[in-house]
C-alpha atoms as a PDB file:
ATOM      1  CA  MET A   1      68.649 117.023   0.994  1.00  0.00           C
ATOM      2  CA  SER A   2      70.192 115.331   4.448  1.00  0.00           C
ATOM      3  CA  SER A   3      66.983 113.417   5.283  1.00  0.00           C
ATOM      4  CA  ASP A   4      67.732 111.787   1.322  1.00  0.00           C
ATOM      5  CA  ARG A   5      70.914 111.060   2.495  1.00  0.00           C
ATOM      6  CA  THR A   6      70.143 109.463   5.760  1.00  0.00           C
ATOM      7  CA  THR A   7      66.700 107.176   4.483  1.00  0.00           C
ATOM      8  CA  VAL A   8      69.630 106.118   2.109  1.00  0.00           C
ATOM      9  CA  LEU A   9      71.861 104.900   4.532  1.00  0.00           C
ATOM     10  CA  MET A  10      69.122 103.564   6.681  1.00  0.00           C
ATOM     11  CA  LEU A  11      67.807 101.464   3.171  1.00  0.00           C
ATOM     12  CA  LYS A  12      71.385 100.484   2.540  1.00  0.00           C
ATOM     13  CA  ALA A  13      71.718  99.141   6.734  1.00  0.00           C
ATOM     14  CA  ILE A  14      67.855  97.369   6.022  1.00  0.00           C
ATOM     15  CA  LYS A  15      69.285  95.617   3.039  1.00  0.00           C
ATOM     16  CA  ALA A  16      72.629  94.504   4.566  1.00  0.00           C
ATOM     17  CA  LYS A  17      70.855  92.791   7.662  1.00  0.00           C
ATOM     18  CA  PHE A  18      68.729  90.496   5.950  1.00  0.00           C
ATOM     19  CA  GLU A  19      71.429  89.535   3.736  1.00  0.00           C
ATOM     20  CA  SER A  20      73.368  88.961   6.868  1.00  0.00           C
ATOM     21  CA  ILE A  21      70.739  87.255   8.591  1.00  0.00           C
ATOM     22  CA  ARG A  22      69.995  85.145   5.258  1.00  0.00           C
ATOM     23  CA  GLU A  23      73.367  84.746   4.820  1.00  0.00           C
ATOM     24  CA  GLU A  24      73.751  82.944   8.826  1.00  0.00           C
ATOM     25  CA  ASN A  25      70.907  81.062   8.468  1.00  0.00           C
ATOM     26  CA  LEU A  26      72.354  79.530   5.236  1.00  0.00           C
ATOM     27  CA  ALA A  27      75.224  78.768   7.185  1.00  0.00           C
ATOM     28  CA  ILE A  28      73.835  77.051  10.053  1.00  0.00           C
ATOM     29  CA  ALA A  29      71.108  74.903   7.831  1.00  0.00           C
ATOM     30  CA  SER A  30      74.052  73.699   5.752  1.00  0.00           C
ATOM     31  CA  HIS A  31      76.319  72.959   8.482  1.00  0.00           C
ATOM     32  CA  TYR A  32      73.457  71.221  10.794  1.00  0.00           C
ATOM     33  CA  ILE A  33      72.493  68.786   7.281  1.00  0.00           C
ATOM     34  CA  SER A  34      76.552  68.345   6.143  1.00  0.00           C
ATOM     35  CA  LYS A  35      77.668  67.799   9.934  1.00  0.00           C
ATOM     36  CA  GLY A  36      75.035  65.816  11.142  1.00  0.00           C
ATOM     37  CA  ALA A  37      77.636  63.712  14.091  1.00  0.00           C
ATOM     38  CA  GLY A  38      76.625  64.214  17.378  1.00  0.00           C
ATOM     39  CA  VAL A  39      72.828  64.445  16.823  1.00  0.00           C
ATOM     40  CA  GLY A  40      72.792  62.215  20.386  1.00  0.00           C
ATOM     41  CA  ASP A  41      74.020  65.562  21.807  1.00  0.00           C
ATOM     42  CA  HIS A  42      71.918  67.348  20.160  1.00  0.00           C
ATOM     43  CA  PRO A  43      68.367  66.602  19.574  1.00  0.00           C
ATOM     44  CA  THR A  44      66.640  69.234  18.292  1.00  0.00           C
ATOM     45  CA  LEU A  45      69.011  69.092  15.238  1.00  0.00           C
ATOM     46  CA  VAL A  46      65.992  68.861  12.875  1.00  0.00           C
ATOM     47  CA  ASP A  47      64.115  71.749  14.311  1.00  0.00           C
ATOM     48  CA  ASP A  48      67.035  73.775  14.438  1.00  0.00           C
ATOM     49  CA  ALA A  49      67.758  73.437  10.843  1.00  0.00           C
ATOM     50  CA  VAL A  50      64.481  74.089   9.997  1.00  0.00           C
ATOM     51  CA  GLU A  51      63.824  77.214  12.013  1.00  0.00           C
ATOM     52  CA  ALA A  52      67.594  78.433  10.425  1.00  0.00           C
ATOM     53  CA  ILE A  53      65.772  77.637   6.840  1.00  0.00           C
ATOM     54  CA  ARG A  54      62.448  79.466   7.906  1.00  0.00           C
ATOM     55  CA  LYS A  55      64.842  82.412   8.981  1.00  0.00           C
ATOM     56  CA  ALA A  56      66.629  82.921   5.760  1.00  0.00           C
ATOM     57  CA  CYS A  57      63.573  82.398   4.152  1.00  0.00           C
ATOM     58  CA  GLU A  58      62.111  84.927   5.690  1.00  0.00           C
ATOM     59  CA  ALA A  59      65.001  87.407   5.212  1.00  0.00           C
ATOM     60  CA  GLU A  60      64.812  86.513   1.469  1.00  0.00           C
ATOM     61  CA  GLU A  61      61.157  87.326   1.333  1.00  0.00           C
ATOM     62  CA  CYS A  62      61.808  90.858   2.997  1.00  0.00           C
ATOM     63  CA  LEU A  63      65.167  91.786   0.415  1.00  0.00           C
ATOM     64  CA  ALA A  64      62.151  90.613  -2.250  1.00  0.00           C
ATOM     65  CA  PHE A  65      59.559  92.991  -0.760  1.00  0.00           C
ATOM     66  CA  MET A  66      62.544  95.867  -0.707  1.00  0.00           C
ATOM     67  CA  SER A  67      62.746  95.452  -4.460  1.00  0.00           C
ATOM     68  CA  THR A  68      58.859  96.030  -5.530  1.00  0.00           C
ATOM     69  CA  ARG A  69      57.015  98.475  -6.833  1.00  0.00           C
ATOM     70  CA  LYS A  70      54.626  98.785  -3.625  1.00  0.00           C
ATOM     71  CA  PHE A  71      57.784  99.466  -1.615  1.00  0.00           C
ATOM     72  CA  GLU A  72      59.732 101.958  -3.729  1.00  0.00           C
ATOM     73  CA  SER A  73      56.306 104.426  -4.059  1.00  0.00           C
ATOM     74  CA  ILE A  74      56.288 104.077   0.085  1.00  0.00           C
ATOM     75  CA  LEU A  75      60.004 106.310  -0.664  1.00  0.00           C
ATOM     76  CA  GLU A  76      59.346 107.668  -4.018  1.00  0.00           C
ATOM     77  CA  HIS A  77      59.551 111.060  -3.001  1.00  0.00           C
ATOM     78  CA  THR A  78      63.372 111.273  -2.884  1.00  0.00           C
ATOM     79  CA  THR A  79      65.647 111.248  -5.947  1.00  0.00           C
ATOM     80  CA  GLU A  80      68.400 109.900  -3.555  1.00  0.00           C
ATOM     81  CA  VAL A  81      65.724 106.778  -2.285  1.00  0.00           C
ATOM     82  CA  GLY A  82      65.040 106.693  -6.455  1.00  0.00           C
ATOM     83  CA  LYS A  83      68.691 106.367  -7.403  1.00  0.00           C
ATOM     84  CA  PHE A  84      69.260 103.558  -3.880  1.00  0.00           C
ATOM     85  CA  PHE A  85      66.469 101.255  -6.117  1.00  0.00           C
ATOM     86  CA  SER A  86      67.670 101.340  -9.673  1.00  0.00           C
ATOM     87  CA  LYS A  87      71.014 100.361  -8.391  1.00  0.00           C
ATOM     88  CA  SER A  88      70.206  98.053  -6.054  1.00  0.00           C
ATOM     89  CA  LYS A  89      68.358  95.543  -8.786  1.00  0.00           C
END
């Protein structure tokens, strides 16, 4: 049962990591887009905003994949993992 608990903790940590990456990059993109001042000091502003959006989208895709049946089937062998997925939707 200990490995079940470890698996659930790891899944929670992975999910939290992707949520954090998404939120951080959305904040960065929002800042770049709404605070365009200083463009002369920041010639790569557009590229940096695009990169932040790209990272946020990638994190969102990873979170979406984690909620798919395909991903769940990888870990379906434990009761605790099943509980994790049913709570996280």
